[in-house]
C-alpha atoms as a PDB file:
ATOM      1  CA  UNK A   1      61.821 283.108   0.695  1.00  0.00           C
ATOM      2  CA  UNK A   2      61.118 282.088   4.263  1.00  0.00           C
ATOM      3  CA  UNK A   3      60.610 284.367   7.240  1.00  0.00           C
ATOM      4  CA  UNK A   4      60.828 283.450  10.907  1.00  0.00           C
ATOM      5  CA  UNK A   5      59.148 285.777  13.375  1.00  0.00           C
ATOM      6  CA  UNK A   6      59.747 285.362  17.105  1.00  0.00           C
ATOM      7  CA  UNK A   7      57.578 286.693  19.893  1.00  0.00           C
ATOM      8  CA  UNK A   8      57.123 286.319  23.617  1.00  0.00           C
ATOM      9  CA  UNK A   9      60.304 287.811  25.008  1.00  0.00           C
ATOM     10  CA  UNK A  10      60.320 290.326  27.824  1.00  0.00           C
ATOM     11  CA  UNK A  11      61.369 291.130  31.353  1.00  0.00           C
ATOM     12  CA  UNK A  12      60.687 288.651  34.127  1.00  0.00           C
ATOM     13  CA  UNK A  13      61.882 288.128  37.679  1.00  0.00           C
ATOM     14  CA  UNK A  14      64.080 285.201  38.611  1.00  0.00           C
ATOM     15  CA  UNK A  15      61.976 282.087  39.073  1.00  0.00           C
ATOM     16  CA  UNK A  16      59.401 283.266  36.585  1.00  0.00           C
ATOM     17  CA  UNK A  17      58.329 281.891  33.229  1.00  0.00           C
ATOM     18  CA  UNK A  18      58.120 282.997  29.620  1.00  0.00           C
ATOM     19  CA  UNK A  19      56.941 281.297  26.455  1.00  0.00           C
ATOM     20  CA  UNK A  20      58.619 282.110  23.183  1.00  0.00           C
ATOM     21  CA  UNK A  21      56.999 281.479  19.822  1.00  0.00           C
ATOM     22  CA  UNK A  22      58.483 281.407  16.340  1.00  0.00           C
ATOM     23  CA  UNK A  23      56.269 281.262  13.281  1.00  0.00           C
ATOM     24  CA  UNK A  24      57.655 280.384   9.869  1.00  0.00           C
ATOM     25  CA  UNK A  25      56.050 281.642   6.689  1.00  0.00           C
ATOM     26  CA  UNK A  26      56.828 281.860   2.991  1.00  0.00           C
ATOM     27  CA  UNK A  27      57.642 279.363   0.276  1.00  0.00           C
ATOM     28  CA  UNK A  28      57.974 276.388   2.598  1.00  0.00           C
ATOM     29  CA  UNK A  29      57.690 272.866   1.287  1.00  0.00           C
ATOM     30  CA  UNK A  30      58.569 271.308   4.621  1.00  0.00           C
ATOM     31  CA  UNK A  31      60.326 272.211   7.858  1.00  0.00           C
ATOM     32  CA  UNK A  32      62.874 269.785   9.173  1.00  0.00           C
ATOM     33  CA  UNK A  33      64.602 270.570  12.467  1.00  0.00           C
ATOM     34  CA  UNK A  34      63.757 273.711  14.392  1.00  0.00           C
ATOM     35  CA  UNK A  35      65.981 275.138  17.107  1.00  0.00           C
ATOM     36  CA  UNK A  36      66.338 277.901  19.631  1.00  0.00           C
ATOM     37  CA  UNK A  37      69.683 279.595  20.182  1.00  0.00           C
ATOM     38  CA  UNK A  38      70.636 282.418  22.492  1.00  0.00           C
ATOM     39  CA  UNK A  39      73.345 285.020  22.647  1.00  0.00           C
ATOM     40  CA  UNK A  40      74.237 286.994  25.732  1.00  0.00           C
ATOM     41  CA  UNK A  41      76.262 290.225  25.515  1.00  0.00           C
ATOM     42  CA  UNK A  42      79.929 289.497  24.900  1.00  0.00           C
ATOM     43  CA  UNK A  43      79.306 285.780  24.440  1.00  0.00           C
ATOM     44  CA  UNK A  44      78.982 283.464  21.473  1.00  0.00           C
ATOM     45  CA  UNK A  45      75.633 282.255  20.248  1.00  0.00           C
ATOM     46  CA  UNK A  46      74.776 278.893  21.808  1.00  0.00           C
ATOM     47  CA  UNK A  47      72.233 276.182  21.149  1.00  0.00           C
ATOM     48  CA  UNK A  48      69.444 276.012  23.717  1.00  0.00           C
ATOM     49  CA  UNK A  49      67.141 273.302  22.346  1.00  0.00           C
ATOM     50  CA  UNK A  50      66.159 271.570  19.132  1.00  0.00           C
ATOM     51  CA  UNK A  51      63.265 269.492  17.828  1.00  0.00           C
ATOM     52  CA  UNK A  52      63.037 267.316  14.734  1.00  0.00           C
ATOM     53  CA  UNK A  53      60.085 267.099  12.387  1.00  0.00           C
ATOM     54  CA  UNK A  54      59.089 263.928  14.251  1.00  0.00           C
ATOM     55  CA  UNK A  55      59.215 265.578  17.652  1.00  0.00           C
ATOM     56  CA  UNK A  56      62.534 264.288  18.925  1.00  0.00           C
ATOM     57  CA  UNK A  57      64.062 266.884  21.235  1.00  0.00           C
ATOM     58  CA  UNK A  58      67.465 267.755  22.585  1.00  0.00           C
ATOM     59  CA  UNK A  59      68.496 270.313  25.196  1.00  0.00           C
ATOM     60  CA  UNK A  60      71.608 272.050  26.379  1.00  0.00           C
ATOM     61  CA  UNK A  61      72.586 270.884  29.840  1.00  0.00           C
ATOM     62  CA  UNK A  62      72.053 274.344  31.294  1.00  0.00           C
ATOM     63  CA  UNK A  63      68.303 274.283  30.490  1.00  0.00           C
ATOM     64  CA  UNK A  64      67.417 270.638  31.058  1.00  0.00           C
ATOM     65  CA  UNK A  65      64.464 270.300  33.380  1.00  0.00           C
ATOM     66  CA  UNK A  66      63.556 273.981  33.049  1.00  0.00           C
ATOM     67  CA  UNK A  67      62.864 274.597  29.342  1.00  0.00           C
ATOM     68  CA  UNK A  68      60.609 272.668  26.983  1.00  0.00           C
ATOM     69  CA  UNK A  69      60.666 272.909  23.199  1.00  0.00           C
ATOM     70  CA  UNK A  70      57.626 271.931  21.166  1.00  0.00           C
ATOM     71  CA  UNK A  71      56.221 272.535  17.701  1.00  0.00           C
ATOM     72  CA  UNK A  72      52.934 272.726  15.869  1.00  0.00           C
ATOM     73  CA  UNK A  73      53.586 271.460  12.348  1.00  0.00           C
ATOM     74  CA  UNK A  74      50.177 272.612  11.111  1.00  0.00           C
ATOM     75  CA  UNK A  75      51.088 276.180  12.076  1.00  0.00           C
ATOM     76  CA  UNK A  76      54.813 275.971  11.163  1.00  0.00           C
ATOM     77  CA  UNK A  77      55.500 277.208  14.666  1.00  0.00           C
ATOM     78  CA  UNK A  78      58.008 276.261  17.327  1.00  0.00           C
ATOM     79  CA  UNK A  79      57.701 277.155  21.003  1.00  0.00           C
ATOM     80  CA  UNK A  80      60.065 277.405  23.931  1.00  0.00           C
ATOM     81  CA  UNK A  81      58.486 277.229  27.366  1.00  0.00           C
ATOM     82  CA  UNK A  82      60.981 278.627  29.859  1.00  0.00           C
ATOM     83  CA  UNK A  83      60.386 278.004  33.562  1.00  0.00           C
ATOM     84  CA  UNK A  84      62.474 278.694  36.657  1.00  0.00           C
ATOM     85  CA  UNK A  85      64.303 281.432  34.818  1.00  0.00           C
ATOM     86  CA  UNK A  86      67.638 282.624  36.139  1.00  0.00           C
ATOM     87  CA  UNK A  87      69.483 285.917  35.566  1.00  0.00           C
ATOM     88  CA  UNK A  88      72.056 283.991  33.529  1.00  0.00           C
ATOM     89  CA  UNK A  89      69.296 283.125  31.040  1.00  0.00           C
ATOM     90  CA  UNK A  90      69.273 286.773  29.989  1.00  0.00           C
ATOM     91  CA  UNK A  91      70.047 286.903  26.269  1.00  0.00           C
ATOM     92  CA  UNK A  92      68.626 287.478  22.839  1.00  0.00           C
ATOM     93  CA  UNK A  93      66.882 284.278  21.790  1.00  0.00           C
ATOM     94  CA  UNK A  94      66.919 283.301  18.122  1.00  0.00           C
ATOM     95  CA  UNK A  95      64.776 280.842  16.244  1.00  0.00           C
ATOM     96  CA  UNK A  96      66.442 278.673  13.607  1.00  0.00           C
ATOM     97  CA  UNK A  97      64.760 276.422  11.053  1.00  0.00           C
ATOM     98  CA  UNK A  98      66.036 273.953   8.502  1.00  0.00           C
ATOM     99  CA  UNK A  99      63.547 274.243   5.634  1.00  0.00           C
ATOM    100  CA  UNK A 100      62.974 272.585   2.310  1.00  0.00           C
ATOM    101  CA  UNK A 101      61.881 275.135  -0.255  1.00  0.00           C
ATOM    102  CA  UNK A 102      60.198 274.292  -3.531  1.00  0.00           C
ATOM    103  CA  UNK A 103      61.092 276.517  -6.467  1.00  0.00           C
ATOM    104  CA  UNK A 104      59.170 275.293  -9.456  1.00  0.00           C
ATOM    105  CA  UNK A 105      59.901 271.581  -9.323  1.00  0.00           C
ATOM    106  CA  UNK A 106      63.263 271.943  -7.648  1.00  0.00           C
ATOM    107  CA  UNK A 107      63.647 271.253  -3.951  1.00  0.00           C
ATOM    108  CA  UNK A 108      66.417 272.922  -2.036  1.00  0.00           C
ATOM    109  CA  UNK A 109      67.309 273.011   1.621  1.00  0.00           C
ATOM    110  CA  UNK A 110      68.168 276.180   3.485  1.00  0.00           C
ATOM    111  CA  UNK A 111      68.724 277.337   7.044  1.00  0.00           C
ATOM    112  CA  UNK A 112      66.868 280.421   8.238  1.00  0.00           C
ATOM    113  CA  UNK A 113      67.121 282.643  11.297  1.00  0.00           C
ATOM    114  CA  UNK A 114      64.656 284.895  13.037  1.00  0.00           C
ATOM    115  CA  UNK A 115      65.471 288.437  14.104  1.00  0.00           C
ATOM    116  CA  UNK A 116      65.725 287.546  17.788  1.00  0.00           C
ATOM    117  CA  UNK A 117      63.704 288.389  20.872  1.00  0.00           C
ATOM    118  CA  UNK A 118      65.156 289.789  24.090  1.00  0.00           C
ATOM    119  CA  UNK A 119      64.710 287.873  27.333  1.00  0.00           C
ATOM    120  CA  UNK A 120      65.796 289.670  30.503  1.00  0.00           C
ATOM    121  CA  UNK A 121      65.671 287.977  33.896  1.00  0.00           C
ATOM    122  CA  UNK A 122      66.090 290.229  36.909  1.00  0.00           C
ATOM    123  CA  UNK A 123      67.438 289.008  40.232  1.00  0.00           C
END
């Protein structure tokens, strides 16, 4: 199995910065795309940013120019640098990874989620 563990959330004032990390571990053959989602109270989970295994990135319009996603393939880790934070960025942030798992000689592809980390931005 594969586990994703997020860290780096917390409380910050508007205009401040946080850096989230998500480390993947377990029976990983390779990690394809990695993504960050968020879910605010009473709202649906939404995609924040994604990065392919080759480093191609995409961002939701509401974070463009403020957030940066990156990854360290050697460490199976994805990061989300969040700058110029706004109160509306308050949410639980979830890491998501599309992994290829090797079981014996059989490859299979699965999607995994982390447990989430709370980000609270005060005004």
